[in-house]
C-alpha atoms as a PDB file:
ATOM      1  CA  MET A   1      18.151  -6.665  -6.961  1.00  0.00           C
ATOM      2  CA  PRO A   2      18.047  -3.402  -4.980  1.00  0.00           C
ATOM      3  CA  LYS A   3      15.166  -1.035  -5.576  1.00  0.00           C
ATOM      4  CA  VAL A   4      16.060   2.355  -6.963  1.00  0.00           C
ATOM      5  CA  ALA A   5      13.867   5.426  -6.713  1.00  0.00           C
ATOM      6  CA  ILE A   6      13.759   7.592  -9.802  1.00  0.00           C
ATOM      7  CA  GLU A   7      12.023  10.866 -10.324  1.00  0.00           C
ATOM      8  CA  ILE A   8       9.909  11.195 -13.442  1.00  0.00           C
ATOM      9  CA  ASP A   9       8.192  14.467 -14.229  1.00  0.00           C
ATOM     10  CA  SER A  10       4.840  14.577 -16.005  1.00  0.00           C
ATOM     11  CA  ASP A  11       6.379  15.402 -19.398  1.00  0.00           C
ATOM     12  CA  THR A  12       8.683  12.381 -19.230  1.00  0.00           C
ATOM     13  CA  LEU A  13       5.801  10.169 -18.155  1.00  0.00           C
ATOM     14  CA  ILE A  14       3.726  11.360 -21.109  1.00  0.00           C
ATOM     15  CA  ASP A  15       6.613  10.596 -23.472  1.00  0.00           C
ATOM     16  CA  ILE A  16       6.957   7.089 -22.030  1.00  0.00           C
ATOM     17  CA  ILE A  17       3.233   6.396 -22.254  1.00  0.00           C
ATOM     18  CA  LYS A  18       3.079   7.561 -25.881  1.00  0.00           C
ATOM     19  CA  GLN A  19       5.571   4.824 -26.791  1.00  0.00           C
ATOM     20  CA  LEU A  20       3.553   2.007 -25.216  1.00  0.00           C
ATOM     21  CA  SER A  21       1.165  -0.225 -27.109  1.00  0.00           C
ATOM     22  CA  ASP A  22      -2.542  -0.054 -26.302  1.00  0.00           C
ATOM     23  CA  THR A  23      -2.282  -3.423 -24.554  1.00  0.00           C
ATOM     24  CA  GLU A  24       0.535  -2.178 -22.320  1.00  0.00           C
ATOM     25  CA  LYS A  25      -1.393   1.001 -21.520  1.00  0.00           C
ATOM     26  CA  LYS A  26      -4.445  -1.065 -20.549  1.00  0.00           C
ATOM     27  CA  LYS A  27      -2.363  -3.294 -18.265  1.00  0.00           C
ATOM     28  CA  ILE A  28      -0.968  -0.239 -16.482  1.00  0.00           C
ATOM     29  CA  ARG A  29      -4.407   1.379 -16.221  1.00  0.00           C
ATOM     30  CA  ASP A  30      -5.933  -1.814 -14.808  1.00  0.00           C
ATOM     31  CA  THR A  31      -3.122  -2.107 -12.259  1.00  0.00           C
ATOM     32  CA  ILE A  32      -3.362   1.501 -11.094  1.00  0.00           C
ATOM     33  CA  ARG A  33      -7.149   1.874 -11.158  1.00  0.00           C
ATOM     34  CA  PRO A  34      -8.964   0.545  -8.100  1.00  0.00           C
ATOM     35  CA  LYS A  35     -11.105  -2.504  -8.765  1.00  0.00           C
ATOM     36  CA  GLU A  36     -14.183  -0.797  -7.370  1.00  0.00           C
ATOM     37  CA  HIS A  37     -14.559   2.940  -7.644  1.00  0.00           C
ATOM     38  CA  TRP A  38     -15.085   4.618  -4.262  1.00  0.00           C
ATOM     39  CA  LEU A  39     -18.083   6.597  -5.528  1.00  0.00           C
ATOM     40  CA  LYS A  40     -19.918   3.444  -6.644  1.00  0.00           C
ATOM     41  CA  ARG A  41     -19.138   1.836  -3.300  1.00  0.00           C
ATOM     42  CA  LEU A  42     -20.536   4.863  -1.464  1.00  0.00           C
ATOM     43  CA  TYR A  43     -23.621   4.813  -3.715  1.00  0.00           C
ATOM     44  CA  ASP A  44     -24.153   1.132  -2.883  1.00  0.00           C
ATOM     45  CA  ILE A  45     -23.721   1.728   0.859  1.00  0.00           C
ATOM     46  CA  TYR A  46     -26.573   4.248   0.836  1.00  0.00           C
ATOM     47  CA  LEU A  47     -28.903   2.104  -1.301  1.00  0.00           C
ATOM     48  CA  PRO A  48     -31.063   1.041   1.686  1.00  0.00           C
ATOM     49  CA  ALA A  49     -31.457   4.669   2.782  1.00  0.00           C
ATOM     50  CA  ARG A  50     -32.443   5.750  -0.735  1.00  0.00           C
ATOM     51  CA  LYS A  51     -35.041   2.987  -0.935  1.00  0.00           C
ATOM     52  CA  GLU A  52     -36.438   3.962   2.475  1.00  0.00           C
ATOM     53  CA  ALA A  53     -36.585   7.636   1.486  1.00  0.00           C
ATOM     54  CA  GLN A  54     -38.691   6.823  -1.588  1.00  0.00           C
ATOM     55  CA  LYS A  55     -41.627   6.178   0.739  1.00  0.00           C
ATOM     56  CA  TYR A  56     -41.770   9.847   1.739  1.00  0.00           C
ATOM     57  CA  THR A  57     -42.662  13.016  -0.131  1.00  0.00           C
ATOM     58  CA  ASP A  58     -40.203  15.885  -0.454  1.00  0.00           C
ATOM     59  CA  GLU A  59     -42.375  17.919   1.891  1.00  0.00           C
ATOM     60  CA  GLU A  60     -42.227  15.226   4.600  1.00  0.00           C
ATOM     61  CA  ILE A  61     -38.452  14.970   4.316  1.00  0.00           C
ATOM     62  CA  GLU A  62     -37.988  18.750   4.421  1.00  0.00           C
ATOM     63  CA  LYS A  63     -40.267  18.985   7.468  1.00  0.00           C
ATOM     64  CA  ASP A  64     -38.219  16.311   9.283  1.00  0.00           C
ATOM     65  CA  ILE A  65     -34.980  18.130   8.425  1.00  0.00           C
ATOM     66  CA  ARG A  66     -36.356  21.447   9.717  1.00  0.00           C
ATOM     67  CA  ASN A  67     -37.507  19.757  12.940  1.00  0.00           C
ATOM     68  CA  ALA A  68     -34.107  18.122  13.426  1.00  0.00           C
ATOM     69  CA  ILE A  69     -32.312  21.448  12.901  1.00  0.00           C
ATOM     70  CA  ARG A  70     -34.676  23.134  15.356  1.00  0.00           C
ATOM     71  CA  GLU A  71     -33.941  20.457  17.999  1.00  0.00           C
ATOM     72  CA  VAL A  72     -30.176  20.755  17.538  1.00  0.00           C
ATOM     73  CA  ARG A  73     -30.307  24.549  17.823  1.00  0.00           C
ATOM     74  CA  LYS A  74     -32.471  24.278  20.929  1.00  0.00           C
ATOM     75  CA  ALA A  75     -30.053  21.810  22.542  1.00  0.00           C
ATOM     76  CA  HIS A  76     -26.841  23.603  21.561  1.00  0.00           C
ATOM     77  CA  GLY A  77     -27.903  27.225  21.523  1.00  0.00           C
END
């Protein structure tokens, strides 16, 4: 069977969705929605850094940031 592209505007899509059962809506949502949200994945990636940072006070972190900025400005004018 050949694939056919159709154009559906947002109003038509809303009308179609209103006619679906809750089960059908959930199936569509589960298919469209990524299995793992990108924000949670990013949060998990930085977990080791967050744990490491807990060892330091805010003042220590701010001091290191200021020193790093100073070094970059010195090196790059």
